[in-house]
Amino acid sequence: MRTLIIKLGAAGDVVRTTTLMRTLPGEVTWITAAKSVVLVEGVRDNLRVLSWEQREVARDRSYDLVVNLEDTLDVADFVKTVKHARLFGAYADAANNLTYSEDARRWFDLSLISRFGRVQADKLKYENRASYQELIFEGLDLKFTGQKYYLPPPAKTGLSGDVAVAPVAGPVWPMKNWAYYEDLIAALKARGLVVNVLPNRPTLLEHLGDVFNHRCLVGGDSLPMHFALGFGIPCVTIFNCTSPWEIFDYGIQRKLVSPLLGEFFYKRGFEVRATNAIPLQAVLDETLAAVNG
């Protein structure tokens, strides 16, 4: 069997999609963003990883299955040029409009290209209680039973300790940034714990190494969270505006969900009430419990 997976970003979404390769037999070709190639390359046998810029190489063969998890027209146009027997995911119809296969509807009905429109898609996303993996596996006639992420070996770094803190979520979702990280760090250090804020690194493998070197991770719904889940490191995750239910916890994640989640669900602006709705004490208690096992 030959499968082509197209998942470019974000990097955390790439990592959680690697679970598919635990069940897909045969050869897999994966097209991803250039910076994410190192996260997928070499993680299993019979795997070829290409950057988006190298995508034409993937047209050298016919595929039994193409899994397109991107919702952009440029990717859909590329899929048209690839020989395949079955397509799961997004594609361009005869009028060159983005749509998606019926078997992928459980995931894409919740997406930006939902056939129901953005407002209803967000409502369905809020009501959904299945993890990302469950939604994708089901559409592919597979069964998700807790298959783990694939991750490459981490780079060695000099940063290590008890708790790693990932306080910055990036510009797309500013309301992911919880208001009390500095207070949390001070409280943890007062209890004798070694706490490090994850720094910016030139490579993702160094970032991976920093997470690997700690006993616990505290942060939002972000790439470091997926690194921790992939390595089996306990994590405390704060959900201010994104879905806690789509994240499979692997029995090691403590989820703190904002009481205002419904009000700010997948909104990209900024409102301070979204960032301080979860109290410091709640996160501190869960972090200490995670560290102490």
Protein backbone atom coordinates (compact mmCIF):
# COMPACT_ATOMS: atom_id res chain seq x y z
CA MET A 1 0.00 0.00 0.00
CA ARG A 2 1.16 3.52 -0.81
CA THR A 3 -0.15 6.52 1.13
CA LEU A 4 0.48 10.23 0.65
CA ILE A 5 -0.14 12.43 3.72
CA ILE A 6 -0.22 16.19 3.29
CA LYS A 7 -0.01 18.00 6.60
CA LEU A 8 2.06 21.17 6.53
CA GLY A 9 1.38 22.92 9.84
CA ALA A 10 1.07 23.95 12.52
CA ALA A 11 3.94 21.87 13.91
CA GLY A 12 1.84 20.57 16.81
CA ASP A 13 -0.80 19.38 14.37
CA VAL A 14 1.92 17.63 12.36
CA VAL A 15 3.09 15.82 15.49
CA ARG A 16 -0.36 14.57 16.46
CA THR A 17 -1.01 13.41 12.89
CA THR A 18 1.99 11.05 13.10
CA THR A 19 -0.29 8.67 15.01
CA LEU A 20 -1.72 7.66 11.63
CA MET A 21 1.55 6.01 10.73
CA ARG A 22 1.11 3.54 13.59
CA THR A 23 -1.70 1.90 11.62
CA LEU A 24 -1.05 2.66 7.94
CA PRO A 25 0.78 -0.25 6.30
CA GLY A 26 3.23 -0.06 3.45
CA GLU A 27 4.98 3.03 2.11
CA VAL A 28 4.14 6.53 3.33
CA THR A 29 5.13 9.77 1.65
CA TRP A 30 4.56 12.85 3.81
CA ILE A 31 4.59 16.43 2.55
CA THR A 32 5.02 19.00 5.31
CA ALA A 33 6.35 22.51 5.92
CA ALA A 34 10.12 22.81 5.55
CA LYS A 35 10.65 23.56 9.25
CA SER A 36 8.64 20.47 10.27
CA VAL A 37 10.56 17.98 8.13
CA VAL A 38 12.87 17.20 11.08
CA LEU A 39 9.86 16.20 13.19
CA VAL A 40 8.80 13.46 10.79
CA GLU A 41 11.88 12.38 8.87
CA GLY A 42 13.17 8.94 9.81
CA VAL A 43 10.64 8.21 12.56
CA ARG A 44 9.59 4.91 10.95
CA ASP A 45 10.53 2.57 8.13
CA ASN A 46 9.10 2.95 4.61
CA LEU A 47 8.70 6.70 5.07
CA ARG A 48 9.68 9.47 2.67
CA VAL A 49 9.38 13.05 3.91
CA LEU A 50 9.27 16.03 1.56
CA SER A 51 8.95 19.73 2.17
CA TRP A 52 6.17 21.62 0.41
CA GLU A 53 8.83 23.11 -1.85
CA GLN A 54 9.80 19.54 -2.89
CA ARG A 55 6.20 18.46 -3.54
CA GLU A 56 6.71 17.68 -7.23
CA VAL A 57 8.85 14.71 -6.22
CA ALA A 58 5.73 13.08 -4.77
CA ARG A 59 4.21 12.81 -8.24
CA ASP A 60 6.63 10.02 -9.15
CA ARG A 61 4.14 7.30 -8.22
CA SER A 62 0.47 6.42 -7.84
CA TYR A 63 -1.05 6.20 -4.36
CA ASP A 64 -3.71 3.96 -2.94
CA LEU A 65 -4.65 6.72 -0.50
CA VAL A 66 -4.09 10.47 -0.32
CA VAL A 67 -4.79 12.10 3.07
CA ASN A 68 -5.01 15.87 2.61
CA LEU A 69 -5.49 17.62 5.95
CA GLU A 70 -4.83 21.13 4.61
CA ASP A 71 -7.71 23.48 3.81
CA THR A 72 -6.07 25.74 1.23
CA LEU A 73 -6.63 25.92 -2.50
CA ASP A 74 -2.96 25.67 -3.47
CA VAL A 75 -2.68 22.29 -1.76
CA ALA A 76 -5.99 21.13 -3.25
CA ASP A 77 -4.76 22.13 -6.71
CA PHE A 78 -1.62 20.07 -6.17
CA VAL A 79 -3.67 17.04 -5.11
CA LYS A 80 -5.38 17.14 -8.52
CA THR A 81 -2.03 16.39 -10.15
CA VAL A 82 -1.30 13.31 -8.05
CA LYS A 83 -2.47 9.89 -9.24
CA HIS A 84 -4.49 8.17 -6.52
CA ALA A 85 -7.27 5.66 -5.92
CA ARG A 86 -8.84 7.28 -2.84
CA LEU A 87 -8.78 10.80 -1.45
CA PHE A 88 -9.54 11.60 2.18
CA GLY A 89 -9.84 15.27 3.06
CA ALA A 90 -9.90 18.54 1.19
CA TYR A 91 -9.99 18.93 -2.58
CA ALA A 92 -11.04 21.41 -5.28
CA ASP A 93 -14.31 20.65 -7.05
CA ALA A 94 -15.09 21.21 -10.75
CA ALA A 95 -15.59 24.93 -10.11
CA ASN A 96 -12.27 25.04 -8.22
CA ASN A 97 -13.98 25.64 -4.90
CA LEU A 98 -12.62 24.01 -1.75
CA THR A 99 -14.65 21.13 -0.39
CA TYR A 100 -13.91 17.78 1.26
CA SER A 101 -14.65 14.10 0.94
CA GLU A 102 -17.67 12.66 2.71
CA ASP A 103 -15.52 10.31 4.77
CA ALA A 104 -13.64 13.33 6.19
CA ARG A 105 -16.73 15.28 7.19
CA ARG A 106 -16.43 14.65 10.97
CA TRP A 107 -13.21 16.69 10.98
CA PHE A 108 -13.79 19.17 8.18
CA ASP A 109 -17.35 19.97 9.29
CA LEU A 110 -15.59 21.67 12.21
CA SER A 111 -13.09 23.52 10.03
CA LEU A 112 -12.73 26.85 8.25
CA ILE A 113 -14.04 25.26 5.04
CA SER A 114 -17.04 23.62 6.73
CA ARG A 115 -20.06 23.23 4.47
CA PHE A 116 -22.08 24.73 7.33
CA GLY A 117 -20.15 28.00 7.47
CA ARG A 118 -17.84 29.38 10.14
CA VAL A 119 -20.45 30.12 12.85
CA GLN A 120 -22.04 26.67 12.74
CA ALA A 121 -18.63 25.01 12.41
CA ASP A 122 -17.48 26.65 15.66
CA LYS A 123 -20.70 25.53 17.33
CA LEU A 124 -20.11 21.94 16.19
CA LYS A 125 -16.50 22.19 17.34
CA TYR A 126 -17.61 23.33 20.79
CA GLU A 127 -20.09 20.45 21.04
CA ASN A 128 -17.60 17.85 19.80
CA ARG A 129 -16.15 15.50 22.43
CA ALA A 130 -14.00 13.30 20.20
CA SER A 131 -10.24 13.77 19.95
CA TYR A 132 -8.57 14.82 16.71
CA GLN A 133 -7.19 11.32 16.31
CA GLU A 134 -10.61 9.71 16.79
CA LEU A 135 -12.16 11.97 14.15
CA ILE A 136 -9.46 11.27 11.57
CA PHE A 137 -9.09 7.55 12.27
CA GLU A 138 -12.82 6.94 12.05
CA GLY A 139 -13.06 8.57 8.64
CA LEU A 140 -10.24 6.35 7.39
CA ASP A 141 -11.96 3.20 8.68
CA LEU A 142 -9.29 2.82 11.36
CA LYS A 143 -9.67 2.55 15.12
CA PHE A 144 -7.86 4.90 17.45
CA THR A 145 -6.83 3.01 20.57
CA GLY A 146 -4.33 5.47 22.00
CA GLN A 147 -1.62 5.10 19.38
CA LYS A 148 1.32 7.28 20.39
CA TYR A 149 2.98 10.07 18.47
CA TYR A 150 6.16 9.46 16.54
CA LEU A 151 8.93 11.86 17.57
CA PRO A 152 12.58 12.04 16.50
CA PRO A 153 15.40 11.85 19.04
CA PRO A 154 15.73 15.21 20.82
CA ALA A 155 18.83 17.34 20.54
CA LYS A 156 20.93 17.62 23.67
CA THR A 157 20.59 20.96 25.42
CA GLY A 158 21.86 22.42 28.67
CA LEU A 159 18.42 23.32 29.97
CA SER A 160 16.89 20.93 32.50
CA GLY A 161 14.81 21.01 35.65
CA ASP A 162 11.57 20.04 37.34
CA VAL A 163 9.06 22.22 35.49
CA ALA A 164 9.22 23.68 31.99
CA VAL A 165 6.89 26.59 31.36
CA ALA A 166 5.66 27.50 27.88
CA PRO A 167 3.93 30.84 28.40
CA VAL A 168 3.85 32.20 24.85
CA ALA A 169 1.32 30.81 22.39
CA GLY A 170 2.10 33.05 19.42
CA PRO A 171 0.26 35.86 17.61
CA VAL A 172 -2.60 33.83 16.09
CA TRP A 173 -4.29 33.02 19.40
CA PRO A 174 -3.30 35.79 21.88
CA MET A 175 -5.99 34.67 24.35
CA LYS A 176 -4.13 31.39 24.88
CA ASN A 177 -1.67 33.39 26.98
CA TRP A 178 -2.62 32.87 30.62
CA ALA A 179 -2.18 35.93 32.88
CA TYR A 180 -0.41 34.39 35.88
CA TYR A 181 2.66 32.57 34.60
CA GLU A 182 5.09 34.82 36.48
CA ASP A 183 3.23 34.26 39.73
CA LEU A 184 3.18 30.51 39.10
CA ILE A 185 6.92 30.43 38.48
CA ALA A 186 7.59 32.35 41.70
CA ALA A 187 5.34 30.01 43.70
CA LEU A 188 7.02 26.90 42.29
CA LYS A 189 10.52 28.25 42.93
CA ALA A 190 9.52 29.13 46.49
CA ARG A 191 8.84 25.41 46.97
CA GLY A 192 12.37 24.54 45.86
CA LEU A 193 11.56 23.42 42.33
CA VAL A 194 13.82 24.14 39.37
CA VAL A 195 11.64 26.01 36.88
CA ASN A 196 12.63 27.11 33.38
CA VAL A 197 10.77 29.18 30.81
CA LEU A 198 11.30 27.50 27.45
CA PRO A 199 13.51 29.77 25.31
CA ASN A 200 13.35 30.35 21.59
CA ARG A 201 15.62 27.89 19.81
CA PRO A 202 17.07 27.90 16.30
CA THR A 203 15.82 24.35 15.68
CA LEU A 204 12.76 22.35 16.65
CA LEU A 205 14.97 19.47 17.81
CA GLU A 206 16.54 21.74 20.44
CA HIS A 207 13.07 22.85 21.51
CA LEU A 208 12.16 19.18 21.74
CA GLY A 209 15.25 18.54 23.87
CA ASP A 210 14.32 21.28 26.32
CA VAL A 211 10.90 19.73 26.93
CA PHE A 212 12.44 16.25 27.23
CA ASN A 213 14.79 17.45 30.00
CA HIS A 214 11.97 18.30 32.45
CA ARG A 215 9.65 16.34 34.71
CA CYS A 216 6.57 18.38 33.90
CA LEU A 217 5.37 20.95 31.38
CA VAL A 218 2.95 23.81 32.04
CA GLY A 219 1.51 25.82 29.17
CA GLY A 220 -1.31 26.28 26.74
CA ASP A 221 -2.51 24.26 23.80
CA SER A 222 0.72 24.49 21.81
CA LEU A 223 3.68 22.61 20.31
CA PRO A 224 5.49 22.01 23.64
CA MET A 225 2.31 20.32 24.93
CA HIS A 226 2.46 17.87 22.03
CA PHE A 227 6.15 17.25 22.66
CA ALA A 228 5.37 16.41 26.29
CA LEU A 229 2.50 14.12 25.32
CA GLY A 230 4.75 12.38 22.81
CA PHE A 231 7.48 11.74 25.37
CA GLY A 232 5.13 10.69 28.16
CA ILE A 233 5.96 13.75 30.27
CA PRO A 234 3.14 14.90 32.57
CA CYS A 235 1.71 18.22 31.47
CA VAL A 236 -0.66 20.81 32.85
CA THR A 237 -2.50 22.49 30.01
CA ILE A 238 -4.55 25.68 30.16
CA PHE A 239 -7.44 26.02 27.72
CA ASN A 240 -8.66 29.60 27.47
CA CYS A 241 -10.11 29.62 23.96
CA THR A 242 -9.43 26.32 22.16
CA SER A 243 -10.95 22.86 22.42
CA PRO A 244 -9.74 20.71 25.32
CA TRP A 245 -11.68 17.75 23.96
CA GLU A 246 -9.76 17.44 20.71
CA ILE A 247 -6.55 16.75 22.66
CA PHE A 248 -6.12 13.11 23.65
CA ASP A 249 -4.53 13.15 27.10
CA TYR A 250 -2.71 9.77 27.05
CA GLY A 251 -3.39 9.55 30.78
CA ILE A 252 -0.68 12.12 31.61
CA GLN A 253 -2.35 15.47 30.96
CA ARG A 254 -4.17 17.63 33.48
CA LYS A 255 -6.56 19.97 31.69
CA LEU A 256 -7.62 23.29 33.18
CA VAL A 257 -10.58 24.63 31.20
CA SER A 258 -11.65 28.25 31.44
CA PRO A 259 -15.17 28.84 32.78
CA LEU A 260 -15.43 31.42 29.97
CA LEU A 261 -14.41 28.99 27.23
CA GLY A 262 -17.77 29.23 25.46
CA GLU A 263 -17.55 33.01 25.28
CA PHE A 264 -14.08 33.10 23.77
CA PHE A 265 -14.04 29.82 21.86
CA TYR A 266 -11.74 30.11 18.83
CA LYS A 267 -11.84 33.88 18.82
CA ARG A 268 -8.62 35.47 17.60
CA GLY A 269 -8.87 38.88 19.20
CA PHE A 270 -7.78 39.71 22.74
CA GLU A 271 -9.83 40.16 25.87
CA VAL A 272 -8.07 40.17 29.23
CA ARG A 273 -10.95 38.31 30.91
CA ALA A 274 -10.12 35.29 28.79
CA THR A 275 -6.57 35.18 30.11
CA ASN A 276 -7.28 35.48 33.85
CA ALA A 277 -10.40 33.33 34.21
CA ILE A 278 -8.43 30.34 35.51
CA PRO A 279 -7.02 31.18 38.96
CA LEU A 280 -3.39 30.82 39.95
CA GLN A 281 -4.12 28.38 42.77
CA ALA A 282 -5.82 25.91 40.44
CA VAL A 283 -2.80 25.74 38.13
CA LEU A 284 -0.36 25.61 41.03
CA ASP A 285 -2.21 22.69 42.65
CA GLU A 286 -2.30 20.71 39.41
CA THR A 287 1.38 21.41 38.69
CA LEU A 288 2.49 20.24 42.11
CA ALA A 289 0.38 17.12 41.75
CA ALA A 290 1.93 16.41 38.34
CA VAL A 291 5.49 16.90 39.60
CA ASN A 292 4.93 14.74 42.64
CA GLY A 293 3.34 12.04 40.55
